[in-house]
Structure formats: C-alpha cells, structure tokens
Protein backbone atom coordinates (compact mmCIF):
# COMPACT_ATOMS: atom_id res chain seq x y z
CA MET A 1 -54.32 -54.38 -39.73
CA LEU A 2 -53.13 -55.62 -43.24
CA ARG A 3 -52.91 -59.11 -43.65
CA VAL A 4 -49.86 -59.38 -45.88
CA GLY A 5 -48.43 -62.35 -47.69
CA LEU A 6 -44.40 -62.28 -48.83
CA THR A 7 -43.80 -65.28 -51.15
CA GLY A 8 -41.73 -66.31 -54.29
CA GLY A 9 -40.27 -69.29 -55.59
CA ILE A 10 -36.88 -71.10 -54.03
CA ALA A 11 -34.06 -68.78 -53.93
CA THR A 12 -35.35 -66.04 -55.56
CA GLY A 13 -35.02 -63.32 -52.93
CA LYS A 14 -37.83 -63.89 -50.49
CA THR A 15 -35.89 -64.43 -47.37
CA THR A 16 -33.46 -60.85 -48.13
CA VAL A 17 -36.90 -59.05 -48.99
CA ALA A 18 -38.11 -60.61 -45.43
CA SER A 19 -34.85 -58.96 -43.99
CA MET A 20 -35.01 -55.80 -45.28
CA LEU A 21 -38.33 -55.46 -44.13
CA ARG A 22 -37.57 -56.59 -40.41
CA GLU A 23 -34.78 -54.09 -40.51
CA ARG A 24 -37.76 -51.46 -41.20
CA ASP A 25 -39.62 -52.68 -38.09
CA VAL A 26 -41.97 -54.38 -40.11
CA PRO A 27 -43.80 -57.55 -38.30
CA VAL A 28 -42.77 -60.56 -39.56
CA LEU A 29 -43.41 -63.89 -39.63
CA ASP A 30 -41.31 -66.69 -41.21
CA ALA A 31 -43.66 -69.35 -41.79
CA ASP A 32 -41.60 -72.11 -43.17
CA PRO A 33 -39.36 -72.92 -39.95
CA LEU A 34 -43.03 -73.63 -38.01
CA GLY A 35 -43.04 -76.85 -40.43
CA HIS A 36 -39.61 -78.27 -39.45
CA ALA A 37 -40.88 -77.40 -35.75
CA LEU A 38 -44.16 -79.59 -36.08
CA LEU A 39 -42.03 -82.64 -37.24
CA GLU A 40 -39.93 -82.55 -34.06
CA PRO A 41 -40.40 -85.87 -31.57
CA GLY A 42 -43.44 -85.89 -29.46
CA GLN A 43 -45.77 -83.19 -32.13
CA ALA A 44 -48.51 -85.03 -33.63
CA ALA A 45 -47.39 -84.19 -37.05
CA HIS A 46 -44.42 -86.25 -36.41
CA GLU A 47 -45.99 -89.28 -35.61
CA GLU A 48 -48.38 -88.61 -38.86
CA VAL A 49 -45.60 -87.89 -41.00
CA VAL A 50 -43.57 -91.36 -39.63
CA SER A 51 -47.14 -93.21 -39.94
CA ALA A 52 -47.29 -91.70 -44.28
CA PHE A 53 -43.24 -92.26 -44.80
CA GLY A 54 -42.08 -95.03 -42.90
CA LYS A 55 -39.31 -95.12 -40.42
CA ASP A 56 -36.76 -94.78 -43.06
CA ILE A 57 -36.83 -90.94 -42.91
CA LEU A 58 -35.83 -91.27 -39.47
CA ASP A 59 -32.19 -90.30 -38.38
CA GLY A 60 -30.15 -92.36 -35.27
CA CYS A 61 -31.96 -90.13 -32.94
CA GLY A 62 -35.78 -90.48 -33.72
CA ASN A 63 -36.04 -87.37 -35.53
CA VAL A 64 -36.96 -86.46 -39.07
CA SER A 65 -34.09 -86.48 -41.25
CA ARG A 66 -35.24 -83.28 -43.95
CA ALA A 67 -32.91 -84.45 -46.11
CA LYS A 68 -34.34 -88.11 -46.09
CA LEU A 69 -37.68 -86.56 -46.40
CA GLY A 70 -36.90 -84.32 -48.85
CA ALA A 71 -35.40 -86.59 -51.63
CA LEU A 72 -38.58 -88.40 -51.32
CA ILE A 73 -40.85 -85.63 -51.54
CA PHE A 74 -39.14 -83.39 -54.29
CA ALA A 75 -39.01 -87.06 -56.59
CA ASP A 76 -42.93 -87.92 -55.80
CA ALA A 77 -45.71 -84.87 -55.93
CA GLU A 78 -48.66 -87.35 -54.83
CA LYS A 79 -46.02 -87.85 -51.31
CA ARG A 80 -45.43 -83.93 -51.57
CA THR A 81 -48.89 -83.35 -51.48
CA ARG A 82 -49.75 -85.59 -48.47
CA LEU A 83 -46.93 -83.70 -46.48
CA ASN A 84 -48.78 -80.77 -47.41
CA GLN A 85 -51.96 -82.28 -46.31
CA ILE A 86 -50.53 -83.00 -42.63
CA LEU A 87 -48.49 -79.96 -42.15
CA HIS A 88 -50.05 -76.95 -44.00
CA PRO A 89 -53.57 -76.60 -41.89
CA ARG A 90 -51.38 -76.85 -38.99
CA ILE A 91 -48.94 -73.70 -39.68
CA LEU A 92 -52.07 -71.86 -41.26
CA GLN A 93 -53.62 -72.17 -37.54
CA ILE A 94 -50.34 -70.25 -36.19
CA VAL A 95 -50.10 -67.77 -38.93
CA GLN A 96 -54.10 -67.00 -37.97
CA LYS A 97 -53.21 -66.78 -34.29
CA TRP A 98 -50.20 -64.81 -35.08
CA PHE A 99 -52.20 -62.48 -37.30
CA ALA A 100 -55.00 -62.42 -34.57
CA ALA A 101 -52.58 -61.16 -31.73
CA LEU A 102 -51.44 -58.08 -33.63
CA ASP A 103 -54.62 -57.34 -34.82
CA ASP A 104 -54.60 -54.62 -32.33
CA PRO A 105 -55.75 -50.52 -32.71
CA ASN A 106 -52.19 -49.80 -31.42
CA GLY A 107 -51.01 -52.32 -32.97
CA PRO A 108 -49.10 -52.38 -36.77
CA GLU A 109 -50.73 -51.29 -40.03
CA PHE A 110 -49.33 -54.07 -41.59
CA ALA A 111 -47.81 -57.52 -40.70
CA ILE A 112 -46.39 -59.83 -43.13
CA VAL A 113 -46.42 -63.63 -42.80
CA GLU A 114 -43.42 -65.04 -45.27
CA ALA A 115 -44.11 -68.58 -46.65
CA ALA A 116 -42.48 -70.17 -49.73
CA LEU A 117 -46.50 -71.87 -50.60
CA LEU A 118 -48.72 -69.43 -49.96
CA VAL A 119 -50.53 -69.70 -53.40
CA GLU A 120 -49.96 -73.22 -53.26
CA ALA A 121 -51.27 -73.80 -50.05
CA HIS A 122 -54.50 -71.59 -51.10
CA TYR A 123 -53.55 -69.10 -47.71
CA THR A 124 -54.02 -66.12 -50.08
CA SER A 125 -57.70 -65.92 -49.01
CA ASN A 126 -57.25 -65.19 -45.37
CA LEU A 127 -54.69 -62.15 -47.12
CA ASP A 128 -55.26 -58.60 -47.65
CA LYS A 129 -52.46 -58.17 -49.90
CA LEU A 130 -49.60 -60.22 -51.79
CA ILE A 131 -46.08 -59.47 -51.96
CA VAL A 132 -44.68 -61.70 -54.90
CA CYS A 133 -40.26 -61.71 -55.14
CA TRP A 134 -38.81 -63.13 -58.64
CA CYS A 135 -35.94 -63.31 -60.81
CA ARG A 136 -34.84 -64.61 -63.69
CA PRO A 137 -34.64 -68.31 -63.96
CA LYS A 138 -30.82 -68.60 -64.17
CA GLN A 139 -30.11 -67.04 -61.63
CA GLN A 140 -32.89 -68.64 -59.16
CA MET A 141 -30.60 -71.87 -60.73
CA GLU A 142 -27.10 -70.41 -59.75
CA ARG A 143 -28.32 -69.80 -56.31
CA LEU A 144 -29.47 -73.39 -55.63
CA LEU A 145 -26.35 -74.75 -57.24
CA GLN A 146 -24.30 -72.41 -54.47
CA ARG A 147 -26.43 -74.20 -52.05
CA GLY A 148 -24.79 -77.23 -52.98
CA LEU A 149 -27.59 -78.59 -54.63
CA SER A 150 -27.17 -81.10 -57.83
CA GLN A 151 -28.95 -79.77 -61.01
CA GLN A 152 -31.55 -82.46 -60.36
CA GLU A 153 -32.59 -81.22 -57.35
CA ALA A 154 -32.45 -77.80 -58.00
CA GLN A 155 -34.59 -78.65 -60.84
CA GLN A 156 -37.02 -80.53 -58.70
CA ARG A 157 -37.51 -78.35 -56.29
CA ILE A 158 -38.28 -75.20 -58.81
CA ALA A 159 -40.77 -78.00 -60.59
CA SER A 160 -42.78 -78.33 -56.70
CA GLN A 161 -43.49 -74.75 -57.13
CA MET A 162 -46.36 -72.90 -59.01
CA PRO A 163 -44.07 -70.66 -62.06
CA PRO A 164 -43.05 -67.80 -60.67
CA ASP A 165 -45.10 -65.53 -63.47
CA GLU A 166 -48.25 -67.68 -62.52
CA LYS A 167 -47.56 -65.76 -59.00
CA ARG A 168 -46.54 -62.63 -60.03
CA LYS A 169 -50.43 -62.85 -61.45
CA ARG A 170 -51.42 -62.79 -58.02
CA ALA A 171 -49.34 -60.19 -56.65
CA ASP A 172 -50.36 -56.73 -55.48
CA ILE A 173 -46.61 -55.34 -54.59
CA VAL A 174 -43.91 -57.66 -57.34
CA ILE A 175 -40.44 -57.39 -55.95
CA ASP A 176 -37.82 -57.55 -58.81
CA CYS A 177 -34.40 -59.34 -56.69
CA SER A 178 -32.77 -60.06 -60.12
CA GLY A 179 -30.89 -56.46 -59.74
CA SER A 180 -28.85 -54.96 -56.88
CA PHE A 181 -29.00 -55.10 -53.24
CA GLU A 182 -29.46 -51.46 -53.40
CA ASP A 183 -32.34 -51.82 -55.99
CA THR A 184 -34.13 -54.35 -53.96
CA GLU A 185 -33.84 -52.30 -51.30
CA ARG A 186 -35.43 -49.15 -53.31
CA GLN A 187 -38.61 -51.71 -54.21
CA VAL A 188 -38.55 -52.63 -50.13
CA ASN A 189 -39.04 -48.92 -49.05
CA GLN A 190 -41.61 -48.44 -51.79
CA ALA A 191 -43.65 -51.33 -50.96
CA VAL A 192 -43.59 -50.16 -47.26
CA GLU A 193 -44.70 -46.69 -48.11
CA GLN A 194 -47.90 -48.26 -50.05
CA LEU A 195 -48.88 -50.79 -47.11
CA GLY A 196 -47.79 -47.90 -44.23
CA SER A 197 -50.96 -45.73 -45.62
CA PRO A 198 -53.37 -48.69 -46.62
CA THR A 199 -56.58 -47.73 -48.40
CA SER A 200 -59.22 -49.98 -48.35
CA GLY A 201 -57.48 -53.77 -48.01
CA ARG A 202 -59.25 -56.58 -50.52
CA ASN A 203 -59.06 -60.10 -50.32
CA ILE A 204 -57.16 -62.26 -53.56
CA PRO A 205 -58.95 -64.73 -54.98
C-alpha cells in the first residue's frame, strides 16, 4: 500500500481536495484535528503545553483556548517550534498506526494523510508520494480574510509555513486549486488514477 501525504499552505484548497478524495472512497486521515484532541484535559500533551506556555492560555473551564494559543505561537517562531516539538511526535505516531492498520493485502492500494505541516514536520521520509495543493497568493489571502482573520493574522499564518513554491518542488503530484471547482475535480480524478495503479513507490528526501 502506498502511503501518500496531502499538504499545502493554509487556505490553498487542501480541505476541498481531501473531501473530493473521500467522495471517491479514498481513505483519508485528517491529522490536524489530532493535535486539537491532544490538547484536551487529561492528555499528556495538555499538561506539557500548559507548563510551556502558562495558564493564561486556558479558558474559564480549564481547556486550552485555541485562539489564545494561536495568538502566541503565530507571533513567536520559538514558541511555535516548542508547540510543534510537543505535538508532532504524538501526531505522527497516530498516523503511523493508522497506515499500519490499513496495510493489508486485501486493503486499499493507497491511503492519504492530510496535514498542513507534513513537510515542515519532516514526516515526508515516511511517505511514498506527496500531493501538494496550491493557489495564487492573492486568493489565499482573500480566503483567510473571508474566514474572519485580520490582514496581520492572515500574514502571520502564511509566513509560519513553508513557501508554496518550496512545497511544490517536493511534490509528486501538484493540484492547482486556483481555478474552478470542476477543474480541481479533474485534477483529483487524475491523481486517483495515477495512485490507483502504482508502480514502485519511492521515499521523499
């Protein structure tokens, strides 16, 4: 079974592509919410994050406020790195178990893990193929503003990730999400056809 990554910058169309893949019965694991679950009270990561960033990131119920934590980490690269050091190893362990559970002679020919920071977290060495979604920078900014972020917040989030052109250089398959919905669907169909008849997988450096 091919282990495939699906990534792309924030608001570049990754979630839309993942949804299209699921509609085509492709197993897709969204890894980003795993980090949210790890921050819940009772989880080891919760205590570690509170210890690292202080109780000011908690809401009135003792839960980690994603808004407060986000404001901290997107404004400070060192804090963002520290959070990733806490969460990424735990997330990647869950992803590896998910792939292993699907890897069966009667199972799918390929399965996909979707995550914004696959490349940044250096997980691509565990994958056979990488799909990268992208769109034009102006579209990316417009989509983030439509989500309710301020210009500064949007710029911080974009700057916190690897530039799209760098990710595209590492891709086996690139999906351009700057066009119509139908155009994106056509590219997704091509990707499924390509992955559904795999030859020899390769590791991504």
